[in-house]
């Protein structure tokens, strides 16, 4: 397969599979909203009447989930009509990152286990089959976490109080580990896209693998499969 043909094969594959991948990401997004909000409702109904989850927190979480679900529904309508502009995948990633940051801010800031959701932003990236998007999603996840840290340190606690009170601070070690984890997850996402491209273009490494498989001995006869 010549270079022009292999490149065109990748572009055709990317156009179709990126659209299909965006649909899968959006369906999983909707499912995740149902599961996470369902868990919140279980906590809400079994909590005592004076619990924090029964106060303004519940209303804020409900509104956030409604806005997020509404955006996902609008996105789904565009996708099933195949209205997929190039910037759509970036806008949906920015939406997810912003909503995750707001959700974490309502749940204890950078101390919340919900910061793990930033990894899902990166994990969804390979389904778009875009190397640039893998980098953008990684930058968005890291940026969202840094914004969350700044909101907690400078707004929730207060700049001077945060740095003057060691027990209120997030250890630098923890911050570095989380940022590096997101960065490495982004590297894995980018490599997944690169590998998908090699498969679509059938680079020599895949072609030689096919030849080697044909020449491999037959387990039943011990003879080669090609003459």
Protein backbone atom coordinates (compact mmCIF):
# COMPACT_ATOMS: atom_id res chain seq x y z
CA UNK A 1 0.00 0.00 0.00
CA UNK A 2 1.57 3.29 -1.13
CA UNK A 3 1.88 6.26 1.19
CA UNK A 4 -0.99 8.29 -0.32
CA UNK A 5 -3.39 5.37 -0.21
CA UNK A 6 -2.47 4.48 3.37
CA UNK A 7 -2.93 8.10 4.47
CA UNK A 8 -6.33 8.27 2.78
CA UNK A 9 -7.30 4.98 4.43
CA UNK A 10 -6.42 6.50 7.82
CA UNK A 11 -8.41 9.68 7.11
CA UNK A 12 -11.46 7.65 6.07
CA UNK A 13 -11.15 5.43 9.13
CA UNK A 14 -10.62 8.41 11.41
CA UNK A 15 -13.66 10.27 10.09
CA UNK A 16 -16.04 7.33 10.57
CA UNK A 17 -14.64 5.86 13.79
CA UNK A 18 -14.20 9.26 15.47
CA UNK A 19 -17.91 9.91 14.94
CA UNK A 20 -18.80 6.47 16.28
CA UNK A 21 -16.40 6.99 19.19
CA UNK A 22 -18.00 10.31 20.07
CA UNK A 23 -21.39 8.60 20.23
CA UNK A 24 -19.99 5.91 22.54
CA UNK A 25 -18.38 8.53 24.77
CA UNK A 26 -21.64 10.43 25.03
CA UNK A 27 -23.68 7.32 25.84
CA UNK A 28 -21.20 6.37 28.54
CA UNK A 29 -21.35 9.98 29.79
CA UNK A 30 -25.13 9.71 30.18
CA UNK A 31 -24.85 6.30 31.85
CA UNK A 32 -22.22 7.65 34.27
CA UNK A 33 -24.47 10.58 35.18
CA UNK A 34 -27.32 8.20 35.96
CA UNK A 35 -25.09 5.96 38.08
CA UNK A 36 -23.38 8.75 40.02
CA UNK A 37 -26.56 10.72 40.62
CA UNK A 38 -28.35 7.52 41.60
CA UNK A 39 -25.66 6.90 44.20
CA UNK A 40 -26.14 10.45 45.44
CA UNK A 41 -29.91 9.91 45.77
CA UNK A 42 -29.36 6.74 47.80
CA UNK A 43 -27.10 8.70 50.16
CA UNK A 44 -29.65 11.54 50.27
CA UNK A 45 -32.59 9.34 51.27
CA UNK A 46 -30.77 7.30 53.91
CA UNK A 47 -28.98 10.29 55.51
CA UNK A 48 -30.35 11.85 58.72
CA UNK A 49 -32.52 14.93 58.34
CA UNK A 50 -29.78 17.29 59.52
CA UNK A 51 -27.03 15.80 57.31
CA UNK A 52 -25.10 18.13 55.00
CA UNK A 53 -26.18 16.11 51.96
CA UNK A 54 -29.81 17.16 52.61
CA UNK A 55 -29.07 20.88 52.52
CA UNK A 56 -28.01 23.22 49.71
CA UNK A 57 -25.47 20.63 48.57
CA UNK A 58 -28.26 18.43 47.18
CA UNK A 59 -29.75 21.28 45.17
CA UNK A 60 -26.38 22.24 43.71
CA UNK A 61 -25.55 18.68 42.71
CA UNK A 62 -28.99 18.26 41.16
CA UNK A 63 -28.66 21.42 39.08
CA UNK A 64 -25.15 20.48 37.97
CA UNK A 65 -26.29 17.03 36.86
CA UNK A 66 -29.31 18.47 35.04
CA UNK A 67 -27.14 20.93 33.12
CA UNK A 68 -24.62 18.20 32.31
CA UNK A 69 -27.35 15.79 31.19
CA UNK A 70 -29.01 18.50 29.11
CA UNK A 71 -25.74 19.19 27.32
CA UNK A 72 -25.26 15.46 26.72
CA UNK A 73 -28.79 15.19 25.27
CA UNK A 74 -28.17 18.14 22.94
CA UNK A 75 -24.88 16.58 21.86
CA UNK A 76 -26.61 13.27 21.18
CA UNK A 77 -29.14 14.97 18.88
CA UNK A 78 -26.31 16.48 16.84
CA UNK A 79 -24.43 13.20 16.66
CA UNK A 80 -27.36 11.10 15.42
CA UNK A 81 -27.87 13.72 12.68
CA UNK A 82 -24.16 13.46 11.85
CA UNK A 83 -23.61 17.13 12.59
CA UNK A 84 -20.05 16.72 13.79
CA UNK A 85 -17.87 19.83 13.31
CA UNK A 86 -14.18 19.39 14.03
CA UNK A 87 -14.32 21.43 17.25
CA UNK A 88 -17.15 19.38 18.75
CA UNK A 89 -14.89 16.86 20.47
CA UNK A 90 -12.90 19.66 22.06
CA UNK A 91 -16.03 21.42 23.31
CA UNK A 92 -17.38 18.21 24.85
CA UNK A 93 -14.04 17.63 26.58
CA UNK A 94 -14.04 21.18 27.95
CA UNK A 95 -17.59 20.62 29.17
CA UNK A 96 -16.64 17.42 30.99
CA UNK A 97 -13.57 19.01 32.53
CA UNK A 98 -15.51 22.05 33.72
CA UNK A 99 -18.31 19.96 35.19
CA UNK A 100 -15.86 17.64 36.96
CA UNK A 101 -14.07 20.66 38.43
CA UNK A 102 -17.36 22.09 39.71
CA UNK A 103 -18.38 18.71 41.09
CA UNK A 104 -15.10 18.32 42.95
CA UNK A 105 -15.35 21.89 44.27
CA UNK A 106 -18.72 20.98 45.80
CA UNK A 107 -17.31 17.78 47.31
CA UNK A 108 -14.28 18.92 49.30
CA UNK A 109 -12.07 20.23 46.53
CA UNK A 110 -8.77 18.45 45.78
CA UNK A 111 -9.29 16.17 48.80
CA UNK A 112 -12.32 14.56 47.17
CA UNK A 113 -11.99 11.08 45.60
CA UNK A 114 -13.91 12.51 42.66
CA UNK A 115 -10.64 13.92 41.30
CA UNK A 116 -10.23 10.43 39.80
CA UNK A 117 -12.81 11.51 37.23
CA UNK A 118 -10.12 13.58 35.52
CA UNK A 119 -8.55 10.30 34.42
CA UNK A 120 -11.79 9.45 32.57
CA UNK A 121 -11.45 12.63 30.49
CA UNK A 122 -8.14 11.28 29.20
CA UNK A 123 -9.36 7.69 28.95
CA UNK A 124 -12.14 8.77 26.57
CA UNK A 125 -9.71 10.53 24.24
CA UNK A 126 -8.47 7.54 22.14
CA UNK A 127 -12.03 6.89 20.98
CA UNK A 128 -11.83 10.15 19.00
CA UNK A 129 -8.76 8.85 17.09
CA UNK A 130 -7.08 12.25 17.27
CA UNK A 131 -3.55 12.71 18.53
CA UNK A 132 -4.16 16.43 19.06
CA UNK A 133 -7.26 15.67 21.10
CA UNK A 134 -5.27 13.28 23.30
CA UNK A 135 -2.90 16.15 24.11
CA UNK A 136 -5.74 18.63 24.62
CA UNK A 137 -7.67 16.28 26.93
CA UNK A 138 -4.52 15.73 29.00
CA UNK A 139 -3.95 19.48 29.27
CA UNK A 140 -7.60 20.00 30.21
CA UNK A 141 -7.46 17.35 32.95
CA UNK A 142 -4.25 18.76 34.44
CA UNK A 143 -5.54 22.32 34.10
CA UNK A 144 -8.83 21.41 35.77
CA UNK A 145 -6.99 19.88 38.71
CA UNK A 146 -4.76 22.96 39.07
CA UNK A 147 -7.81 25.25 38.99
CA UNK A 148 -9.37 23.09 41.69
CA UNK A 149 -6.25 23.44 43.82
CA UNK A 150 -6.23 27.22 43.36
CA UNK A 151 -9.95 27.48 44.23
CA UNK A 152 -9.42 25.49 47.42
CA UNK A 153 -6.25 27.29 48.54
CA UNK A 154 -7.07 30.85 47.56
CA UNK A 155 -10.88 30.99 47.87
CA UNK A 156 -12.17 28.27 50.20
CA UNK A 157 -9.36 28.46 52.77
CA UNK A 158 -7.75 31.79 51.91
CA UNK A 159 -4.28 32.48 50.55
CA UNK A 160 -2.56 33.49 53.78
CA UNK A 161 -4.35 30.97 55.99
CA UNK A 162 -3.64 28.13 53.57
CA UNK A 163 0.11 28.67 53.55
CA UNK A 164 0.25 29.50 57.26
CA UNK A 165 -1.61 26.34 58.36
CA UNK A 166 0.21 23.11 57.39
CA UNK A 167 -2.73 20.83 58.24
CA UNK A 168 -4.92 22.62 55.69
CA UNK A 169 -2.44 22.32 52.87
CA UNK A 170 -2.40 19.62 50.19
CA UNK A 171 1.10 18.07 50.29
CA UNK A 172 3.23 18.98 47.29
CA UNK A 173 4.04 15.30 46.94
CA UNK A 174 0.36 14.45 46.45
CA UNK A 175 -0.10 17.27 43.96
CA UNK A 176 2.92 16.14 41.94
CA UNK A 177 1.80 12.49 41.91
CA UNK A 178 -1.65 13.40 40.62
CA UNK A 179 -0.31 15.71 37.90
CA UNK A 180 2.26 13.13 36.79
CA UNK A 181 -0.39 10.40 36.76
CA UNK A 182 -2.59 12.48 34.48
CA UNK A 183 0.40 13.26 32.26
CA UNK A 184 1.36 9.60 31.90
CA UNK A 185 -2.27 8.66 31.23
CA UNK A 186 -2.16 11.19 28.40
CA UNK A 187 0.95 9.52 26.99
CA UNK A 188 -0.85 6.17 26.98
CA UNK A 189 -3.86 7.75 25.24
CA UNK A 190 -1.61 9.26 22.56
CA UNK A 191 0.13 5.92 21.98
CA UNK A 192 -3.26 4.20 21.59
CA UNK A 193 -4.11 6.68 18.80
CA UNK A 194 -0.72 6.14 17.16
CA UNK A 195 -1.19 2.39 17.22
CA UNK A 196 -4.69 2.70 15.73
CA UNK A 197 -3.20 4.78 12.93
CA UNK A 198 -0.53 2.19 12.21
CA UNK A 199 -3.18 -0.52 12.02
CA UNK A 200 -5.36 1.55 9.68
CA UNK A 201 -2.43 2.44 7.43
CA UNK A 202 -1.00 -1.08 7.56
CA UNK A 203 2.55 0.03 8.13
CA UNK A 204 5.35 -2.43 7.27
CA UNK A 205 5.45 -3.64 10.86
CA UNK A 206 1.88 -4.96 10.54
CA UNK A 207 2.46 -6.27 7.04
CA UNK A 208 5.56 -8.17 8.14
CA UNK A 209 3.60 -9.59 11.04
CA UNK A 210 1.03 -10.97 8.60
CA UNK A 211 3.78 -12.57 6.50
CA UNK A 212 5.39 -14.06 9.59
CA UNK A 213 2.04 -15.52 10.64
CA UNK A 214 1.61 -17.15 7.23
CA UNK A 215 5.13 -18.60 7.33
CA UNK A 216 4.78 -19.90 10.88
CA UNK A 217 4.80 -23.71 11.24
CA UNK A 218 1.43 -25.44 11.38
CA UNK A 219 1.06 -26.93 14.90
CA UNK A 220 -0.67 -30.00 13.47
CA UNK A 221 1.84 -30.90 10.75
CA UNK A 222 4.97 -29.01 11.82
CA UNK A 223 5.26 -27.66 8.27
CA UNK A 224 5.12 -24.07 7.08
CA UNK A 225 1.75 -22.71 5.98
CA UNK A 226 3.15 -21.18 2.77
CA UNK A 227 5.34 -22.84 0.18
